[in-house]
Amino acid sequence: MLAFLERLRQRAEQAVLVVAHEETLRVCVAYFRGLSDEDMLSVKIDNCELLAFDLSNPGL
């Protein structure tokens, strides 16, 4: 997942749409919010929920 996020960071586009299942999106949320693996498990993402992340400023 981290390699995927790094490839997104290197793209020239200002916006990229990523469609994924909840588990994959949960990892993204944890990465950008700086959550532990344990805290990541409590993240709930609704069906069709839209999330926005700034790839130039991860929450780590």
C-alpha atoms as a PDB file:
ATOM      1  CA  MET A   1       0.000   0.000   0.000  1.00  0.00           C
ATOM      2  CA  LEU A   2       2.793   2.431   0.824  1.00  0.00           C
ATOM      3  CA  ALA A   3       4.384   1.815  -2.582  1.00  0.00           C
ATOM      4  CA  PHE A   4       1.021   2.603  -4.234  1.00  0.00           C
ATOM      5  CA  LEU A   5       0.716   5.872  -2.307  1.00  0.00           C
ATOM      6  CA  GLU A   6       4.270   6.807  -3.287  1.00  0.00           C
ATOM      7  CA  ARG A   7       3.467   6.190  -6.962  1.00  0.00           C
ATOM      8  CA  LEU A   8       0.409   8.441  -6.619  1.00  0.00           C
ATOM      9  CA  ARG A   9       2.581  11.118  -5.026  1.00  0.00           C
ATOM     10  CA  GLN A  10       4.874  11.094  -8.074  1.00  0.00           C
ATOM     11  CA  ARG A  11       2.081  11.680 -10.586  1.00  0.00           C
ATOM     12  CA  ALA A  12       1.681  15.079 -12.193  1.00  0.00           C
ATOM     13  CA  GLU A  13      -2.103  15.249 -11.806  1.00  0.00           C
ATOM     14  CA  GLN A  14      -3.544  17.515  -9.120  1.00  0.00           C
ATOM     15  CA  ALA A  15      -6.350  15.058  -8.306  1.00  0.00           C
ATOM     16  CA  VAL A  16      -6.601  11.272  -8.542  1.00  0.00           C
ATOM     17  CA  LEU A  17      -9.677   9.126  -7.919  1.00  0.00           C
ATOM     18  CA  VAL A  18      -9.098   5.877  -6.052  1.00  0.00           C
ATOM     19  CA  VAL A  19     -11.937   3.377  -5.716  1.00  0.00           C
ATOM     20  CA  ALA A  20     -11.312   0.542  -3.280  1.00  0.00           C
ATOM     21  CA  HIS A  21     -12.794  -1.733  -0.656  1.00  0.00           C
ATOM     22  CA  GLU A  22     -13.040  -0.654   2.983  1.00  0.00           C
ATOM     23  CA  GLU A  23      -9.918  -2.519   4.153  1.00  0.00           C
ATOM     24  CA  THR A  24      -7.717  -0.785   1.595  1.00  0.00           C
ATOM     25  CA  LEU A  25      -9.217   2.617   2.338  1.00  0.00           C
ATOM     26  CA  ARG A  26      -8.785   1.988   6.054  1.00  0.00           C
ATOM     27  CA  VAL A  27      -5.025   1.670   5.506  1.00  0.00           C
ATOM     28  CA  CYS A  28      -5.042   5.002   3.640  1.00  0.00           C
ATOM     29  CA  VAL A  29      -6.933   6.686   6.464  1.00  0.00           C
ATOM     30  CA  ALA A  30      -4.490   5.300   9.030  1.00  0.00           C
ATOM     31  CA  TYR A  31      -1.511   6.432   6.966  1.00  0.00           C
ATOM     32  CA  PHE A  32      -2.715   9.994   6.491  1.00  0.00           C
ATOM     33  CA  ARG A  33      -4.017  10.380  10.049  1.00  0.00           C
ATOM     34  CA  GLY A  34      -0.977   8.728  11.631  1.00  0.00           C
ATOM     35  CA  LEU A  35      -3.045   5.999  13.321  1.00  0.00           C
ATOM     36  CA  SER A  36      -1.588   2.870  14.869  1.00  0.00           C
ATOM     37  CA  ASP A  37      -2.507  -0.538  13.459  1.00  0.00           C
ATOM     38  CA  GLU A  38      -4.761  -1.099  16.454  1.00  0.00           C
ATOM     39  CA  ASP A  39      -6.562   2.237  16.008  1.00  0.00           C
ATOM     40  CA  MET A  40      -6.913   1.575  12.277  1.00  0.00           C
ATOM     41  CA  LEU A  41      -9.173  -1.383  13.014  1.00  0.00           C
ATOM     42  CA  SER A  42     -11.804   0.899  14.541  1.00  0.00           C
ATOM     43  CA  VAL A  43     -12.038   3.143  11.458  1.00  0.00           C
ATOM     44  CA  LYS A  44     -15.391   2.742   9.737  1.00  0.00           C
ATOM     45  CA  ILE A  45     -15.945   3.871   6.171  1.00  0.00           C
ATOM     46  CA  ASP A  46     -19.493   4.045   4.838  1.00  0.00           C
ATOM     47  CA  ASN A  47     -20.461   2.600   1.488  1.00  0.00           C
ATOM     48  CA  CYS A  48     -19.857   5.218  -1.240  1.00  0.00           C
ATOM     49  CA  GLU A  49     -18.209   7.579   1.263  1.00  0.00           C
ATOM     50  CA  LEU A  50     -15.907  10.184  -0.258  1.00  0.00           C
ATOM     51  CA  LEU A  51     -12.559  10.838   1.398  1.00  0.00           C
ATOM     52  CA  ALA A  52      -9.934  13.389   0.373  1.00  0.00           C
ATOM     53  CA  PHE A  53      -6.226  13.234   1.195  1.00  0.00           C
ATOM     54  CA  ASP A  54      -3.379  15.595   0.395  1.00  0.00           C
ATOM     55  CA  LEU A  55      -0.547  13.449  -0.979  1.00  0.00           C
ATOM     56  CA  SER A  56       1.948  16.239  -0.469  1.00  0.00           C
ATOM     57  CA  ASN A  57       1.326  16.298   3.281  1.00  0.00           C
ATOM     58  CA  PRO A  58       0.808  12.860   4.856  1.00  0.00           C
ATOM     59  CA  GLY A  59      -0.089  12.816   8.536  1.00  0.00           C
ATOM     60  CA  LEU A  60       3.023  10.914   9.577  1.00  0.00           C
END
